[in-house]
């Protein structure tokens, strides 16, 4: 896990809002995330790729949709890093 990547990922307001949404549920379908934003599916895919690559979000394909969840281990490690600053 690269802390710089996480900071960059969370510096975007849409991605930060997505992380907040995922913190309130176990899993969320991309279709539900799309309902909350005025963005296209390719734009959502771009945001989710960044969140997945930095390790904050797990992705599970179910049929044609992707389901997303927070990577709680990554969140815990990042919180520890922040607390040590």
PDB file of N, CA and C in Angstrom:
ATOM      1  N   UNK A   1       0.850  -1.180   0.000  1.00  0.00           N
ATOM      2  CA  UNK A   1       0.000   0.000   0.000  1.00  0.00           C
ATOM      3  C   UNK A   1       0.891   1.237   0.000  1.00  0.00           C
ATOM      4  N   UNK A   2       0.639   2.094  -0.930  1.00  0.00           N
ATOM      5  CA  UNK A   2       1.406   3.314  -1.071  1.00  0.00           C
ATOM      6  C   UNK A   2       0.573   4.478  -0.520  1.00  0.00           C
ATOM      7  N   UNK A   3       1.059   5.084   0.555  1.00  0.00           N
ATOM      8  CA  UNK A   3       0.302   6.161   1.190  1.00  0.00           C
ATOM      9  C   UNK A   3       0.128   7.367   0.270  1.00  0.00           C
ATOM     10  N   UNK A   4       1.117   7.628  -0.576  1.00  0.00           N
ATOM     11  CA  UNK A   4       1.004   8.750  -1.511  1.00  0.00           C
ATOM     12  C   UNK A   4      -0.155   8.509  -2.465  1.00  0.00           C
ATOM     13  N   UNK A   5      -0.294   7.279  -2.962  1.00  0.00           N
ATOM     14  CA  UNK A   5      -1.410   6.949  -3.858  1.00  0.00           C
ATOM     15  C   UNK A   5      -2.755   7.142  -3.159  1.00  0.00           C
ATOM     16  N   UNK A   6      -2.820   6.776  -1.897  1.00  0.00           N
ATOM     17  CA  UNK A   6      -4.071   6.931  -1.150  1.00  0.00           C
ATOM     18  C   UNK A   6      -4.412   8.409  -0.988  1.00  0.00           C
ATOM     19  N   UNK A   7      -3.421   9.219  -0.637  1.00  0.00           N
ATOM     20  CA  UNK A   7      -3.673  10.657  -0.521  1.00  0.00           C
ATOM     21  C   UNK A   7      -4.162  11.230  -1.845  1.00  0.00           C
ATOM     22  N   UNK A   8      -3.524  10.827  -2.939  1.00  0.00           N
ATOM     23  CA  UNK A   8      -3.944  11.318  -4.257  1.00  0.00           C
ATOM     24  C   UNK A   8      -5.365  10.865  -4.572  1.00  0.00           C
ATOM     25  N   UNK A   9      -5.672   9.611  -4.263  1.00  0.00           N
ATOM     26  CA  UNK A   9      -7.018   9.088  -4.534  1.00  0.00           C
ATOM     27  C   UNK A   9      -8.067   9.852  -3.744  1.00  0.00           C
ATOM     28  N   UNK A  10      -7.772  10.139  -2.488  1.00  0.00           N
ATOM     29  CA  UNK A  10      -8.749  10.816  -1.637  1.00  0.00           C
ATOM     30  C   UNK A  10      -8.791  12.320  -1.844  1.00  0.00           C
ATOM     31  N   UNK A  11      -7.874  12.849  -2.635  1.00  0.00           N
ATOM     32  CA  UNK A  11      -7.876  14.293  -2.877  1.00  0.00           C
ATOM     33  C   UNK A  11      -8.972  14.709  -3.855  1.00  0.00           C
ATOM     34  N   UNK A  12      -9.573  13.748  -4.531  1.00  0.00           N
ATOM     35  CA  UNK A  12     -10.678  14.033  -5.445  1.00  0.00           C
ATOM     36  C   UNK A  12     -11.992  13.923  -4.678  1.00  0.00           C
ATOM     37  N   UNK A  13     -12.833  14.942  -4.764  1.00  0.00           N
ATOM     38  CA  UNK A  13     -14.070  14.962  -3.970  1.00  0.00           C
ATOM     39  C   UNK A  13     -15.021  13.819  -4.328  1.00  0.00           C
ATOM     40  N   UNK A  14     -15.082  13.436  -5.595  1.00  0.00           N
ATOM     41  CA  UNK A  14     -15.959  12.329  -5.984  1.00  0.00           C
ATOM     42  C   UNK A  14     -15.475  11.025  -5.361  1.00  0.00           C
ATOM     43  N   UNK A  15     -14.175  10.774  -5.435  1.00  0.00           N
ATOM     44  CA  UNK A  15     -13.640   9.532  -4.857  1.00  0.00           C
ATOM     45  C   UNK A  15     -13.799   9.525  -3.343  1.00  0.00           C
ATOM     46  N   UNK A  16     -13.606  10.668  -2.715  1.00  0.00           N
ATOM     47  CA  UNK A  16     -13.790  10.742  -1.265  1.00  0.00           C
ATOM     48  C   UNK A  16     -15.245  10.435  -0.905  1.00  0.00           C
ATOM     49  N   UNK A  17     -16.173  10.954  -1.678  1.00  0.00           N
ATOM     50  CA  UNK A  17     -17.583  10.682  -1.437  1.00  0.00           C
ATOM     51  C   UNK A  17     -17.911   9.199  -1.656  1.00  0.00           C
ATOM     52  N   UNK A  18     -17.295   8.592  -2.651  1.00  0.00           N
ATOM     53  CA  UNK A  18     -17.499   7.159  -2.898  1.00  0.00           C
ATOM     54  C   UNK A  18     -17.007   6.345  -1.700  1.00  0.00           C
ATOM     55  N   UNK A  19     -15.847   6.683  -1.174  1.00  0.00           N
ATOM     56  CA  UNK A  19     -15.319   5.977   0.004  1.00  0.00           C
ATOM     57  C   UNK A  19     -16.276   6.142   1.182  1.00  0.00           C
ATOM     58  N   UNK A  20     -16.797   7.341   1.375  1.00  0.00           N
ATOM     59  CA  UNK A  20     -17.770   7.562   2.453  1.00  0.00           C
ATOM     60  C   UNK A  20     -19.026   6.719   2.248  1.00  0.00           C
ATOM     61  N   UNK A  21     -19.500   6.626   1.000  1.00  0.00           N
ATOM     62  CA  UNK A  21     -20.668   5.791   0.703  1.00  0.00           C
ATOM     63  C   UNK A  21     -20.388   4.332   1.041  1.00  0.00           C
ATOM     64  N   UNK A  22     -19.209   3.854   0.641  1.00  0.00           N
ATOM     65  CA  UNK A  22     -18.867   2.451   0.880  1.00  0.00           C
ATOM     66  C   UNK A  22     -18.661   2.160   2.363  1.00  0.00           C
ATOM     67  N   UNK A  23     -18.335   3.179   3.137  1.00  0.00           N
ATOM     68  CA  UNK A  23     -18.126   2.962   4.569  1.00  0.00           C
ATOM     69  C   UNK A  23     -19.440   2.666   5.285  1.00  0.00           C
ATOM     70  N   UNK A  24     -20.562   2.943   4.631  1.00  0.00           N
ATOM     71  CA  UNK A  24     -21.877   2.722   5.240  1.00  0.00           C
ATOM     72  C   UNK A  24     -22.549   1.439   4.791  1.00  0.00           C
ATOM     73  N   UNK A  25     -21.832   0.614   4.030  1.00  0.00           N
ATOM     74  CA  UNK A  25     -22.429  -0.619   3.519  1.00  0.00           C
ATOM     75  C   UNK A  25     -21.348  -1.686   3.371  1.00  0.00           C
ATOM     76  N   UNK A  26     -21.783  -2.941   3.310  1.00  0.00           N
ATOM     77  CA  UNK A  26     -20.825  -4.028   3.135  1.00  0.00           C
ATOM     78  C   UNK A  26     -20.324  -4.099   1.696  1.00  0.00           C
ATOM     79  N   UNK A  27     -21.248  -3.965   0.742  1.00  0.00           N
ATOM     80  CA  UNK A  27     -20.935  -3.992  -0.692  1.00  0.00           C
ATOM     81  C   UNK A  27     -21.897  -3.075  -1.410  1.00  0.00           C
ATOM     82  N   UNK A  28     -21.418  -2.502  -2.527  1.00  0.00           N
ATOM     83  CA  UNK A  28     -22.296  -1.648  -3.308  1.00  0.00           C
ATOM     84  C   UNK A  28     -22.046  -1.888  -4.784  1.00  0.00           C
ATOM     85  N   UNK A  29     -23.143  -2.041  -5.509  1.00  0.00           N
ATOM     86  CA  UNK A  29     -23.081  -2.223  -6.957  1.00  0.00           C
ATOM     87  C   UNK A  29     -22.731  -0.888  -7.622  1.00  0.00           C
ATOM     88  N   UNK A  30     -21.983  -0.963  -8.705  1.00  0.00           N
ATOM     89  CA  UNK A  30     -21.635   0.244  -9.458  1.00  0.00           C
ATOM     90  C   UNK A  30     -22.882   0.999  -9.884  1.00  0.00           C
ATOM     91  N   UNK A  31     -23.946   0.284 -10.186  1.00  0.00           N
ATOM     92  CA  UNK A  31     -25.185   0.941 -10.610  1.00  0.00           C
ATOM     93  C   UNK A  31     -25.743   1.839  -9.508  1.00  0.00           C
ATOM     94  N   UNK A  32     -25.608   1.441  -8.263  1.00  0.00           N
ATOM     95  CA  UNK A  32     -26.074   2.248  -7.128  1.00  0.00           C
ATOM     96  C   UNK A  32     -25.189   3.471  -6.925  1.00  0.00           C
ATOM     97  N   UNK A  33     -23.891   3.306  -7.135  1.00  0.00           N
ATOM     98  CA  UNK A  33     -22.973   4.439  -7.007  1.00  0.00           C
ATOM     99  C   UNK A  33     -23.292   5.456  -8.099  1.00  0.00           C
ATOM    100  N   UNK A  34     -23.538   4.970  -9.315  1.00  0.00           N
ATOM    101  CA  UNK A  34     -23.865   5.860 -10.432  1.00  0.00           C
ATOM    102  C   UNK A  34     -25.113   6.699 -10.160  1.00  0.00           C
ATOM    103  N   UNK A  35     -26.069   6.130  -9.441  1.00  0.00           N
ATOM    104  CA  UNK A  35     -27.305   6.848  -9.136  1.00  0.00           C
ATOM    105  C   UNK A  35     -27.050   8.095  -8.295  1.00  0.00           C
ATOM    106  N   UNK A  36     -25.972   8.094  -7.523  1.00  0.00           N
ATOM    107  CA  UNK A  36     -25.681   9.188  -6.593  1.00  0.00           C
ATOM    108  C   UNK A  36     -24.926  10.343  -7.242  1.00  0.00           C
ATOM    109  N   UNK A  37     -24.372  10.114  -8.421  1.00  0.00           N
ATOM    110  CA  UNK A  37     -23.538  11.120  -9.071  1.00  0.00           C
ATOM    111  C   UNK A  37     -24.038  11.407 -10.476  1.00  0.00           C
ATOM    112  N   UNK A  38     -23.710  12.567 -10.965  1.00  0.00           N
ATOM    113  CA  UNK A  38     -24.023  12.914 -12.354  1.00  0.00           C
ATOM    114  C   UNK A  38     -22.763  12.709 -13.192  1.00  0.00           C
ATOM    115  N   UNK A  39     -22.358  11.442 -13.275  1.00  0.00           N
ATOM    116  CA  UNK A  39     -21.176  11.072 -14.049  1.00  0.00           C
ATOM    117  C   UNK A  39     -21.523   9.892 -14.932  1.00  0.00           C
ATOM    118  N   UNK A  40     -20.700   9.645 -15.928  1.00  0.00           N
ATOM    119  CA  UNK A  40     -20.918   8.515 -16.827  1.00  0.00           C
ATOM    120  C   UNK A  40     -20.313   7.250 -16.228  1.00  0.00           C
ATOM    121  N   UNK A  41     -20.694   6.119 -16.782  1.00  0.00           N
ATOM    122  CA  UNK A  41     -20.145   4.843 -16.315  1.00  0.00           C
ATOM    123  C   UNK A  41     -18.640   4.782 -16.539  1.00  0.00           C
ATOM    124  N   UNK A  42     -18.111   5.251 -17.691  1.00  0.00           N
ATOM    125  CA  UNK A  42     -16.648   5.236 -17.853  1.00  0.00           C
ATOM    126  C   UNK A  42     -15.921   6.111 -16.829  1.00  0.00           C
ATOM    127  N   UNK A  43     -16.531   7.234 -16.452  1.00  0.00           N
ATOM    128  CA  UNK A  43     -15.918   8.092 -15.440  1.00  0.00           C
ATOM    129  C   UNK A  43     -15.907   7.389 -14.090  1.00  0.00           C
ATOM    130  N   UNK A  44     -17.005   6.711 -13.760  1.00  0.00           N
ATOM    131  CA  UNK A  44     -17.038   5.945 -12.510  1.00  0.00           C
ATOM    132  C   UNK A  44     -15.975   4.857 -12.539  1.00  0.00           C
ATOM    133  N   UNK A  45     -15.843   4.168 -13.647  1.00  0.00           N
ATOM    134  CA  UNK A  45     -14.822   3.115 -13.771  1.00  0.00           C
ATOM    135  C   UNK A  45     -13.427   3.674 -13.522  1.00  0.00           C
ATOM    136  N   UNK A  46     -13.173   4.868 -14.035  1.00  0.00           N
ATOM    137  CA  UNK A  46     -11.875   5.519 -13.821  1.00  0.00           C
ATOM    138  C   UNK A  46     -11.640   5.773 -12.326  1.00  0.00           C
ATOM    139  N   UNK A  47     -12.640   6.328 -11.658  1.00  0.00           N
ATOM    140  CA  UNK A  47     -12.513   6.596 -10.221  1.00  0.00           C
ATOM    141  C   UNK A  47     -12.299   5.297  -9.434  1.00  0.00           C
ATOM    142  N   UNK A  48     -13.061   4.265  -9.793  1.00  0.00           N
ATOM    143  CA  UNK A  48     -12.963   3.004  -9.052  1.00  0.00           C
ATOM    144  C   UNK A  48     -11.625   2.323  -9.307  1.00  0.00           C
ATOM    145  N   UNK A  49     -11.079   2.472 -10.497  1.00  0.00           N
ATOM    146  CA  UNK A  49      -9.759   1.916 -10.802  1.00  0.00           C
ATOM    147  C   UNK A  49      -8.704   2.560  -9.901  1.00  0.00           C
ATOM    148  N   UNK A  50      -8.775   3.858  -9.732  1.00  0.00           N
ATOM    149  CA  UNK A  50      -7.814   4.560  -8.872  1.00  0.00           C
ATOM    150  C   UNK A  50      -7.956   4.097  -7.427  1.00  0.00           C
ATOM    151  N   UNK A  51      -9.201   3.983  -6.949  1.00  0.00           N
ATOM    152  CA  UNK A  51      -9.423   3.533  -5.577  1.00  0.00           C
ATOM    153  C   UNK A  51      -8.981   2.087  -5.374  1.00  0.00           C
ATOM    154  N   UNK A  52      -9.154   1.270  -6.388  1.00  0.00           N
ATOM    155  CA  UNK A  52      -8.724  -0.137  -6.300  1.00  0.00           C
ATOM    156  C   UNK A  52      -7.205  -0.258  -6.355  1.00  0.00           C
ATOM    157  N   UNK A  53      -6.574   0.499  -7.243  1.00  0.00           N
ATOM    158  CA  UNK A  53      -5.119   0.412  -7.402  1.00  0.00           C
ATOM    159  C   UNK A  53      -4.367   0.851  -6.158  1.00  0.00           C
ATOM    160  N   UNK A  54      -4.922   1.810  -5.414  1.00  0.00           N
ATOM    161  CA  UNK A  54      -4.233   2.245  -4.195  1.00  0.00           C
ATOM    162  C   UNK A  54      -4.567   1.332  -3.022  1.00  0.00           C
ATOM    163  N   UNK A  55      -5.490   0.392  -3.223  1.00  0.00           N
ATOM    164  CA  UNK A  55      -5.784  -0.608  -2.201  1.00  0.00           C
ATOM    165  C   UNK A  55      -6.950  -0.294  -1.286  1.00  0.00           C
ATOM    166  N   UNK A  56      -7.622   0.835  -1.479  1.00  0.00           N
ATOM    167  CA  UNK A  56      -8.719   1.200  -0.586  1.00  0.00           C
ATOM    168  C   UNK A  56     -10.001   0.428  -0.847  1.00  0.00           C
ATOM    169  N   UNK A  57     -10.180  -0.034  -2.095  1.00  0.00           N
ATOM    170  CA  UNK A  57     -11.442  -0.657  -2.492  1.00  0.00           C
ATOM    171  C   UNK A  57     -11.189  -2.021  -3.114  1.00  0.00           C
ATOM    172  N   UNK A  58     -12.041  -2.965  -2.747  1.00  0.00           N
ATOM    173  CA  UNK A  58     -12.037  -4.292  -3.355  1.00  0.00           C
ATOM    174  C   UNK A  58     -13.122  -4.336  -4.425  1.00  0.00           C
ATOM    175  N   UNK A  59     -12.863  -5.077  -5.493  1.00  0.00           N
ATOM    176  CA  UNK A  59     -13.817  -5.203  -6.593  1.00  0.00           C
ATOM    177  C   UNK A  59     -14.191  -6.659  -6.787  1.00  0.00           C
ATOM    178  N   UNK A  60     -15.495  -6.900  -6.980  1.00  0.00           N
ATOM    179  CA  UNK A  60     -15.978  -8.245  -7.277  1.00  0.00           C
ATOM    180  C   UNK A  60     -16.957  -8.142  -8.440  1.00  0.00           C
ATOM    181  N   UNK A  61     -16.651  -8.860  -9.529  1.00  0.00           N
ATOM    182  CA  UNK A  61     -17.536  -8.875 -10.693  1.00  0.00           C
ATOM    183  C   UNK A  61     -18.692  -9.837 -10.439  1.00  0.00           C
ATOM    184  N   UNK A  62     -19.910  -9.349 -10.692  1.00  0.00           N
ATOM    185  CA  UNK A  62     -21.113 -10.183 -10.601  1.00  0.00           C
ATOM    186  C   UNK A  62     -21.915  -9.915 -11.865  1.00  0.00           C
ATOM    187  N   UNK A  63     -21.843 -10.855 -12.797  1.00  0.00           N
ATOM    188  CA  UNK A  63     -22.494 -10.647 -14.082  1.00  0.00           C
ATOM    189  C   UNK A  63     -21.833  -9.502 -14.815  1.00  0.00           C
ATOM    190  N   UNK A  64     -22.646  -8.559 -15.288  1.00  0.00           N
ATOM    191  CA  UNK A  64     -22.076  -7.418 -16.012  1.00  0.00           C
ATOM    192  C   UNK A  64     -21.690  -6.269 -15.091  1.00  0.00           C
ATOM    193  N   UNK A  65     -22.043  -6.363 -13.812  1.00  0.00           N
ATOM    194  CA  UNK A  65     -21.765  -5.284 -12.873  1.00  0.00           C
ATOM    195  C   UNK A  65     -20.615  -5.625 -11.945  1.00  0.00           C
ATOM    196  N   UNK A  66     -19.983  -4.589 -11.471  1.00  0.00           N
ATOM    197  CA  UNK A  66     -18.957  -4.728 -10.441  1.00  0.00           C
ATOM    198  C   UNK A  66     -19.555  -4.299  -9.111  1.00  0.00           C
ATOM    199  N   UNK A  67     -19.190  -5.034  -8.078  1.00  0.00           N
ATOM    200  CA  UNK A  67     -19.594  -4.684  -6.718  1.00  0.00           C
ATOM    201  C   UNK A  67     -18.335  -4.275  -5.968  1.00  0.00           C
ATOM    202  N   UNK A  68     -18.462  -3.210  -5.197  1.00  0.00           N
ATOM    203  CA  UNK A  68     -17.308  -2.630  -4.525  1.00  0.00           C
ATOM    204  C   UNK A  68     -17.505  -2.656  -3.014  1.00  0.00           C
ATOM    205  N   UNK A  69     -16.395  -2.812  -2.315  1.00  0.00           N
ATOM    206  CA  UNK A  69     -16.395  -2.747  -0.857  1.00  0.00           C
ATOM    207  C   UNK A  69     -15.082  -2.137  -0.407  1.00  0.00           C
ATOM    208  N   UNK A  70     -15.084  -1.602   0.801  1.00  0.00           N
ATOM    209  CA  UNK A  70     -13.851  -1.046   1.340  1.00  0.00           C
ATOM    210  C   UNK A  70     -12.913  -2.169   1.751  1.00  0.00           C
ATOM    211  N   UNK A  71     -11.635  -1.929   1.584  1.00  0.00           N
ATOM    212  CA  UNK A  71     -10.611  -2.836   2.080  1.00  0.00           C
ATOM    213  C   UNK A  71     -10.294  -2.356   3.492  1.00  0.00           C
ATOM    214  N   UNK A  72     -10.910  -2.979   4.469  1.00  0.00           N
ATOM    215  CA  UNK A  72     -10.796  -2.516   5.853  1.00  0.00           C
ATOM    216  C   UNK A  72      -9.374  -2.598   6.395  1.00  0.00           C
ATOM    217  N   UNK A  73      -8.600  -3.566   5.943  1.00  0.00           N
ATOM    218  CA  UNK A  73      -7.197  -3.652   6.372  1.00  0.00           C
ATOM    219  C   UNK A  73      -6.420  -2.432   5.884  1.00  0.00           C
ATOM    220  N   UNK A  74      -6.641  -2.036   4.646  1.00  0.00           N
ATOM    221  CA  UNK A  74      -5.953  -0.864   4.098  1.00  0.00           C
ATOM    222  C   UNK A  74      -6.382   0.401   4.836  1.00  0.00           C
ATOM    223  N   UNK A  75      -7.652   0.504   5.152  1.00  0.00           N
ATOM    224  CA  UNK A  75      -8.160   1.669   5.885  1.00  0.00           C
ATOM    225  C   UNK A  75      -7.522   1.730   7.266  1.00  0.00           C
ATOM    226  N   UNK A  76      -7.459   0.593   7.945  1.00  0.00           N
ATOM    227  CA  UNK A  76      -6.854   0.537   9.280  1.00  0.00           C
ATOM    228  C   UNK A  76      -5.383   0.926   9.226  1.00  0.00           C
ATOM    229  N   UNK A  77      -4.645   0.390   8.262  1.00  0.00           N
ATOM    230  CA  UNK A  77      -3.220   0.727   8.132  1.00  0.00           C
ATOM    231  C   UNK A  77      -3.026   2.198   7.807  1.00  0.00           C
ATOM    232  N   UNK A  78      -3.892   2.754   6.971  1.00  0.00           N
ATOM    233  CA  UNK A  78      -3.776   4.171   6.621  1.00  0.00           C
ATOM    234  C   UNK A  78      -4.081   5.049   7.834  1.00  0.00           C
ATOM    235  N   UNK A  79      -5.076   4.659   8.629  1.00  0.00           N
ATOM    236  CA  UNK A  79      -5.386   5.405   9.845  1.00  0.00           C
ATOM    237  C   UNK A  79      -4.215   5.378  10.811  1.00  0.00           C
ATOM    238  N   UNK A  80      -3.558   4.242  10.926  1.00  0.00           N
ATOM    239  CA  UNK A  80      -2.376   4.150  11.803  1.00  0.00           C
ATOM    240  C   UNK A  80      -1.266   5.076  11.298  1.00  0.00           C
ATOM    241  N   UNK A  81      -1.071   5.105   9.988  1.00  0.00           N
ATOM    242  CA  UNK A  81      -0.077   5.988   9.396  1.00  0.00           C
ATOM    243  C   UNK A  81      -0.394   7.444   9.734  1.00  0.00           C
ATOM    244  N   UNK A  82      -1.651   7.840   9.565  1.00  0.00           N
ATOM    245  CA  UNK A  82      -2.066   9.215   9.848  1.00  0.00           C
ATOM    246  C   UNK A  82      -1.852   9.538  11.333  1.00  0.00           C
ATOM    247  N   UNK A  83      -2.203   8.614  12.202  1.00  0.00           N
ATOM    248  CA  UNK A  83      -2.049   8.840  13.634  1.00  0.00           C
ATOM    249  C   UNK A  83      -0.587   9.014  14.038  1.00  0.00           C
ATOM    250  N   UNK A  84       0.322   8.420  13.288  1.00  0.00           N
ATOM    251  CA  UNK A  84       1.741   8.508  13.615  1.00  0.00           C
ATOM    252  C   UNK A  84       2.392   9.798  13.118  1.00  0.00           C
ATOM    253  N   UNK A  85       1.673  10.548  12.302  1.00  0.00           N
ATOM    254  CA  UNK A  85       2.243  11.800  11.791  1.00  0.00           C
ATOM    255  C   UNK A  85       2.228  12.852  12.878  1.00  0.00           C
TER     256      UNK A  85
END
